[in-house]
Amino acid sequence: MAGYRVTERSIATNVLMGLQGNLSRLGNIQERLSSGKQVAQPSDSPTAAVAIMQYRGELATAQQHSRNAEDALGWLGTVDTAVSSMISQVQRVRQLVLTGMSNGVGGSADARAALAAEVDQLRSSTMGIANTKYLDRPVFGGTTAGAQALDATSGNYVGDTGTVMRTVGDNVKVTVAESGSTFFGTGANQLFTVLADLSANLNSNPAALSGDLNRLDAAFRTLQTAQSTVGARYNQVEQMQQAANDRVDALTAQLSDVEDIDLPKTISDMSLQQAAYQAALGAAAKVVQPSLVDFLR
């Protein structure tokens, strides 16, 4: 059987190739340690790279849902606070009307005029609340690009019938702002029309107050119904936000399991690889001995 001729050059070449391999592995470990990532490029692990891209896509979606929910809570919270204020003022108006209908102080024309003046003030205040804004947009104006939902002088609705919606989950959209008519009513039973009529009739036609009171009660019920709907939406969005945040936490952990290094193990691997490289250098120094040419010089 023929043998293979081993030369000093072939030994040196093999030794250098081995050292280069050790150094390359050490460099890879150091790169993972410095970046903190197990997969730096798809070729490192095609399967892991696909999983990482999927996790990142789902994570971005969940984070967006959480941000949308936060914005929706801002809208709905603003609406709820405004409606609560309007309900309180409507209740005060109802008390004034009952006073105006009584046979006591309400029977005096001057007293009714004072009551009417307070109703006017409450109407003006309520109209101001109706133009409440969130992020510089009127929350009762639908999708209007205007600065107001209600004309501050006449009380006429100047918004549109559009709805502002936010996506807070997969195929889950929640209305956060809609037409003011949902809250204030329309036609003769529109809240601000009723308030204007109450003020006028307190001054000039007390007999009509009973009918006006019924209209006011109808407008009040409209406000209460709308507030209940807003409250239900607020609770729904809170639940969806919690679900989105939980999803973000779960996906972050799953992504870390695939993408991030095991720090203690990586440090241990680097120490072992450094020791192996040093040992290889020492072995190479002993194996590559002086050749015959070195002795002939």
Protein backbone atom coordinates (compact mmCIF):
# COMPACT_ATOMS: atom_id res chain seq x y z
CA MET A 1 0.00 0.00 0.00
CA ALA A 2 1.50 3.27 -1.08
CA GLY A 3 2.07 5.88 1.61
CA TYR A 4 1.52 9.59 1.43
CA ARG A 5 4.46 11.94 1.50
CA VAL A 6 4.19 14.45 4.34
CA THR A 7 6.17 17.64 4.01
CA GLU A 8 6.87 20.50 6.34
CA ARG A 9 4.75 22.71 4.11
CA SER A 10 1.71 20.42 4.23
CA ILE A 11 1.98 20.25 8.02
CA ALA A 12 2.20 24.04 8.26
CA THR A 13 -0.76 24.46 5.91
CA ASN A 14 -2.93 22.07 7.92
CA VAL A 15 -1.93 23.73 11.15
CA LEU A 16 -2.76 27.16 9.78
CA MET A 17 -6.13 25.93 8.50
CA GLY A 18 -6.93 24.54 11.93
CA LEU A 19 -5.91 27.76 13.62
CA GLN A 20 -8.01 29.74 11.16
CA GLY A 21 -11.04 27.56 11.96
CA ASN A 22 -10.54 28.07 15.69
CA LEU A 23 -10.17 31.80 15.20
CA SER A 24 -13.30 31.95 13.02
CA ARG A 25 -15.37 30.12 15.63
CA LEU A 26 -14.03 32.42 18.32
CA GLY A 27 -14.94 35.44 16.19
CA ASN A 28 -18.50 34.14 15.69
CA ILE A 29 -18.98 33.69 19.42
CA GLN A 30 -17.61 37.17 20.13
CA GLU A 31 -19.97 38.63 17.51
CA ARG A 32 -22.99 36.93 19.12
CA LEU A 33 -21.87 38.10 22.53
CA SER A 34 -21.48 41.72 21.42
CA SER A 35 -24.80 41.85 19.52
CA GLY A 36 -26.77 39.75 21.99
CA LYS A 37 -28.41 37.97 19.05
CA GLN A 38 -28.21 34.29 18.24
CA VAL A 39 -29.16 34.84 14.59
CA ALA A 40 -27.34 37.68 12.86
CA GLN A 41 -28.31 36.73 9.32
CA PRO A 42 -30.73 34.24 7.71
CA SER A 43 -27.94 31.83 6.80
CA ASP A 44 -27.17 31.33 10.49
CA SER A 45 -30.49 29.50 10.89
CA PRO A 46 -33.11 29.72 8.11
CA THR A 47 -35.80 28.18 10.33
CA ALA A 48 -35.13 30.61 13.16
CA ALA A 49 -34.99 33.53 10.71
CA VAL A 50 -38.50 32.71 9.44
CA ALA A 51 -39.82 32.43 13.00
CA ILE A 52 -38.19 35.75 13.94
CA MET A 53 -39.83 37.55 11.02
CA GLN A 54 -43.23 36.09 11.94
CA TYR A 55 -42.86 37.04 15.59
CA ARG A 56 -41.78 40.57 14.71
CA GLY A 57 -44.74 41.02 12.38
CA GLU A 58 -47.20 39.82 15.01
CA LEU A 59 -45.45 41.93 17.66
CA ALA A 60 -45.75 45.08 15.55
CA THR A 61 -49.47 44.41 15.04
CA ALA A 62 -50.09 43.86 18.76
CA GLN A 63 -48.16 47.02 19.66
CA GLN A 64 -50.22 49.02 17.16
CA HIS A 65 -53.44 47.66 18.64
CA SER A 66 -52.26 48.75 22.08
CA ARG A 67 -51.47 52.25 20.82
CA ASN A 68 -54.85 52.44 19.07
CA ALA A 69 -56.56 51.38 22.29
CA GLU A 70 -54.73 54.07 24.24
CA ASP A 71 -55.90 56.69 21.74
CA ALA A 72 -59.46 55.29 21.87
CA LEU A 73 -59.47 55.54 25.66
CA GLY A 74 -58.44 59.17 25.36
CA TRP A 75 -61.35 59.90 23.00
CA LEU A 76 -63.93 57.96 25.01
CA GLY A 77 -62.74 59.35 28.34
CA THR A 78 -63.08 62.89 27.00
CA VAL A 79 -66.56 62.17 25.67
CA ASP A 80 -67.67 60.55 28.93
CA THR A 81 -66.45 63.49 31.03
CA ALA A 82 -68.19 65.98 28.74
CA VAL A 83 -71.48 64.08 28.76
CA SER A 84 -71.37 63.77 32.56
CA SER A 85 -70.98 67.55 32.81
CA MET A 86 -73.89 68.11 30.44
CA ILE A 87 -76.10 65.71 32.39
CA SER A 88 -75.36 67.61 35.60
CA GLN A 89 -76.29 70.90 33.96
CA VAL A 90 -79.48 69.47 32.44
CA GLN A 91 -80.48 68.25 35.90
CA ARG A 92 -79.95 71.78 37.21
CA VAL A 93 -82.12 73.17 34.43
CA ARG A 94 -84.86 70.71 35.34
CA GLN A 95 -84.79 71.97 38.93
CA LEU A 96 -85.10 75.55 37.70
CA VAL A 97 -88.05 74.66 35.48
CA LEU A 98 -89.85 72.94 38.35
CA THR A 99 -89.26 76.04 40.43
CA GLY A 100 -90.68 78.18 37.65
CA MET A 101 -93.80 75.99 37.49
CA SER A 102 -94.47 76.18 41.24
CA ASN A 103 -96.94 78.56 42.88
CA GLY A 104 -94.36 80.01 45.21
CA VAL A 105 -91.47 82.17 44.14
CA GLY A 106 -91.85 80.71 40.67
CA GLY A 107 -95.12 82.53 40.30
CA SER A 108 -93.38 85.92 40.24
CA ALA A 109 -92.48 87.30 36.81
CA ASP A 110 -89.21 88.69 38.18
CA ALA A 111 -88.35 85.36 39.75
CA ARG A 112 -89.04 83.55 36.48
CA ALA A 113 -86.84 86.07 34.64
CA ALA A 114 -84.01 85.26 37.05
CA LEU A 115 -84.58 81.57 36.45
CA ALA A 116 -84.55 82.15 32.69
CA ALA A 117 -81.26 84.03 32.97
CA GLU A 118 -79.69 81.07 34.76
CA VAL A 119 -81.09 78.70 32.14
CA ASP A 120 -79.44 80.87 29.47
CA GLN A 121 -76.14 80.63 31.31
CA LEU A 122 -76.47 76.87 31.59
CA ARG A 123 -77.34 76.61 27.90
CA SER A 124 -74.26 78.63 26.99
CA SER A 125 -72.09 76.49 29.25
CA THR A 126 -73.52 73.27 27.87
CA MET A 127 -72.92 74.47 24.31
CA GLY A 128 -69.30 75.10 25.24
CA ILE A 129 -69.02 71.54 26.55
CA ALA A 130 -70.57 70.30 23.31
CA ASN A 131 -67.55 71.76 21.50
CA THR A 132 -65.09 69.83 23.67
CA LYS A 133 -62.00 68.77 21.70
CA TYR A 134 -59.57 65.90 21.83
CA LEU A 135 -56.29 66.38 19.98
CA ASP A 136 -57.78 69.58 18.55
CA ARG A 137 -60.80 67.79 17.07
CA PRO A 138 -64.39 68.20 18.34
CA VAL A 139 -65.43 64.93 19.93
CA PHE A 140 -69.12 65.46 19.12
CA GLY A 141 -68.55 66.54 15.51
CA GLY A 142 -68.24 63.17 13.79
CA THR A 143 -65.39 63.35 11.29
CA THR A 144 -65.72 67.07 10.64
CA ALA A 145 -62.60 68.98 9.74
CA GLY A 146 -64.07 72.08 11.38
CA ALA A 147 -63.14 73.44 14.76
CA GLN A 148 -66.64 73.14 16.23
CA ALA A 149 -69.41 70.59 16.48
CA LEU A 150 -71.98 73.20 17.44
CA ASP A 151 -72.49 76.80 16.39
CA ALA A 152 -71.68 78.74 19.54
CA THR A 153 -74.39 81.31 18.86
CA SER A 154 -77.38 79.44 17.47
CA GLY A 155 -76.73 76.01 18.95
CA ASN A 156 -77.17 74.42 15.53
CA TYR A 157 -75.14 71.29 14.82
CA VAL A 158 -72.39 72.02 12.26
CA GLY A 159 -70.54 68.69 12.32
CA ASP A 160 -71.16 65.73 10.03
CA THR A 161 -72.64 62.25 10.40
CA GLY A 162 -69.32 60.39 10.17
CA THR A 163 -67.82 58.19 12.87
CA VAL A 164 -64.23 58.02 14.14
CA MET A 165 -63.14 54.43 14.72
CA ARG A 166 -60.06 52.72 16.09
CA THR A 167 -58.87 49.16 15.42
CA VAL A 168 -58.07 47.68 18.83
CA GLY A 169 -57.78 44.00 17.91
CA ASP A 170 -57.92 41.57 15.03
CA ASN A 171 -61.11 42.52 13.16
CA VAL A 172 -62.25 44.58 16.17
CA LYS A 173 -63.11 48.23 15.58
CA VAL A 174 -64.60 50.57 18.16
CA THR A 175 -66.39 53.87 17.54
CA VAL A 176 -64.76 56.63 19.57
CA ALA A 177 -66.55 59.68 18.14
CA GLU A 178 -69.78 60.13 16.22
CA SER A 179 -72.43 62.65 15.22
CA GLY A 180 -73.56 65.04 17.92
CA SER A 181 -77.17 64.15 17.16
CA THR A 182 -76.55 60.86 18.97
CA PHE A 183 -76.02 62.85 22.16
CA PHE A 184 -78.06 66.03 21.70
CA GLY A 185 -81.02 64.73 19.69
CA THR A 186 -82.53 66.37 16.60
CA GLY A 187 -85.42 68.61 15.62
CA ALA A 188 -87.70 70.03 18.28
CA ASN A 189 -86.21 67.71 20.92
CA GLN A 190 -82.64 68.83 20.27
CA LEU A 191 -81.20 69.69 23.67
CA PHE A 192 -80.20 73.28 22.91
CA THR A 193 -83.50 74.01 21.16
CA VAL A 194 -85.32 72.78 24.27
CA LEU A 195 -83.14 74.93 26.53
CA ALA A 196 -83.80 78.00 24.40
CA ASP A 197 -87.57 77.36 24.51
CA LEU A 198 -87.45 76.87 28.28
CA SER A 199 -85.78 80.23 28.75
CA ALA A 200 -88.30 81.97 26.51
CA ASN A 201 -91.32 80.34 28.14
CA LEU A 202 -90.09 81.09 31.65
CA ASN A 203 -90.27 84.74 30.67
CA SER A 204 -93.41 84.83 28.59
CA ASN A 205 -95.42 81.61 28.61
CA PRO A 206 -95.25 79.62 31.87
CA ALA A 207 -98.13 77.44 30.75
CA ALA A 208 -95.90 75.84 28.10
CA LEU A 209 -93.29 74.77 30.64
CA SER A 210 -94.96 71.43 31.28
CA GLY A 211 -94.56 70.38 27.65
CA ASP A 212 -91.02 71.78 27.61
CA LEU A 213 -90.21 69.70 30.67
CA ASN A 214 -91.28 66.54 28.86
CA ARG A 215 -89.00 67.46 25.95
CA LEU A 216 -86.17 68.16 28.37
CA ASP A 217 -86.67 64.74 29.95
CA ALA A 218 -86.50 63.14 26.49
CA ALA A 219 -83.22 64.97 25.77
CA PHE A 220 -81.94 63.89 29.17
CA ARG A 221 -82.72 60.24 28.42
CA THR A 222 -80.88 60.59 25.10
CA LEU A 223 -77.80 61.83 26.94
CA GLN A 224 -77.99 59.00 29.46
CA THR A 225 -78.35 56.36 26.76
CA ALA A 226 -75.39 57.79 24.85
CA GLN A 227 -73.29 57.86 28.03
CA SER A 228 -74.10 54.22 28.74
CA THR A 229 -72.94 53.32 25.24
CA VAL A 230 -69.72 55.28 25.71
CA GLY A 231 -69.10 53.53 29.02
CA ALA A 232 -69.58 50.11 27.45
CA ARG A 233 -67.15 50.99 24.67
CA TYR A 234 -64.62 52.25 27.20
CA ASN A 235 -64.75 48.95 29.07
CA GLN A 236 -64.41 47.01 25.83
CA VAL A 237 -61.35 49.03 24.79
CA GLU A 238 -59.73 48.54 28.20
CA GLN A 239 -60.14 44.79 27.85
CA MET A 240 -58.77 44.83 24.31
CA GLN A 241 -55.80 46.94 25.40
CA GLN A 242 -55.01 44.47 28.18
CA ALA A 243 -55.26 41.62 25.69
CA ALA A 244 -52.93 43.46 23.29
CA ASN A 245 -50.41 44.16 26.07
CA ASP A 246 -50.50 40.52 27.15
CA ARG A 247 -49.94 39.51 23.54
CA VAL A 248 -46.96 41.88 23.31
CA ASP A 249 -45.41 40.33 26.43
CA ALA A 250 -45.91 36.79 25.14
CA LEU A 251 -44.51 37.56 21.68
CA THR A 252 -41.54 39.41 23.16
CA ALA A 253 -40.68 36.36 25.25
CA GLN A 254 -41.08 34.01 22.27
CA LEU A 255 -38.94 36.25 20.08
CA SER A 256 -36.27 36.41 22.75
CA ASP A 257 -36.21 32.61 23.01
CA VAL A 258 -35.48 32.32 19.29
CA GLU A 259 -33.36 35.37 18.65
CA ASP A 260 -31.43 36.25 21.81
CA ILE A 261 -28.39 34.43 23.10
CA ASP A 262 -28.16 32.48 26.32
CA LEU A 263 -25.67 34.85 27.97
CA PRO A 264 -24.10 32.50 30.55
CA LYS A 265 -23.76 29.71 27.97
CA THR A 266 -22.27 32.06 25.36
CA ILE A 267 -19.71 33.40 27.83
CA SER A 268 -18.79 29.82 28.76
CA ASP A 269 -18.48 28.88 25.07
CA MET A 270 -16.20 31.84 24.44
CA SER A 271 -13.95 30.91 27.35
CA LEU A 272 -13.71 27.33 26.08
CA GLN A 273 -13.01 28.49 22.54
CA GLN A 274 -10.29 30.88 23.75
CA ALA A 275 -8.68 28.05 25.70
CA ALA A 276 -8.90 25.80 22.64
CA TYR A 277 -7.29 28.45 20.46
CA GLN A 278 -4.45 28.97 22.91
CA ALA A 279 -3.91 25.21 23.08
CA ALA A 280 -3.90 25.01 19.28
CA LEU A 281 -1.28 27.73 19.10
CA GLY A 282 0.88 25.84 21.58
CA ALA A 283 0.48 22.58 19.69
CA ALA A 284 1.31 24.29 16.40
CA ALA A 285 4.52 25.67 17.86
CA LYS A 286 5.63 22.14 18.79
CA VAL A 287 4.51 20.39 15.62
CA VAL A 288 6.08 22.79 13.11
CA GLN A 289 9.73 21.98 13.95
CA PRO A 290 12.82 23.37 12.12
CA SER A 291 13.34 21.74 8.73
CA LEU A 292 16.59 20.36 7.13
CA VAL A 293 17.07 23.68 5.35
CA ASP A 294 17.22 25.42 8.72
CA PHE A 295 20.12 23.12 9.75
CA LEU A 296 22.00 23.65 6.46
CA ARG A 297 22.05 27.43 6.77
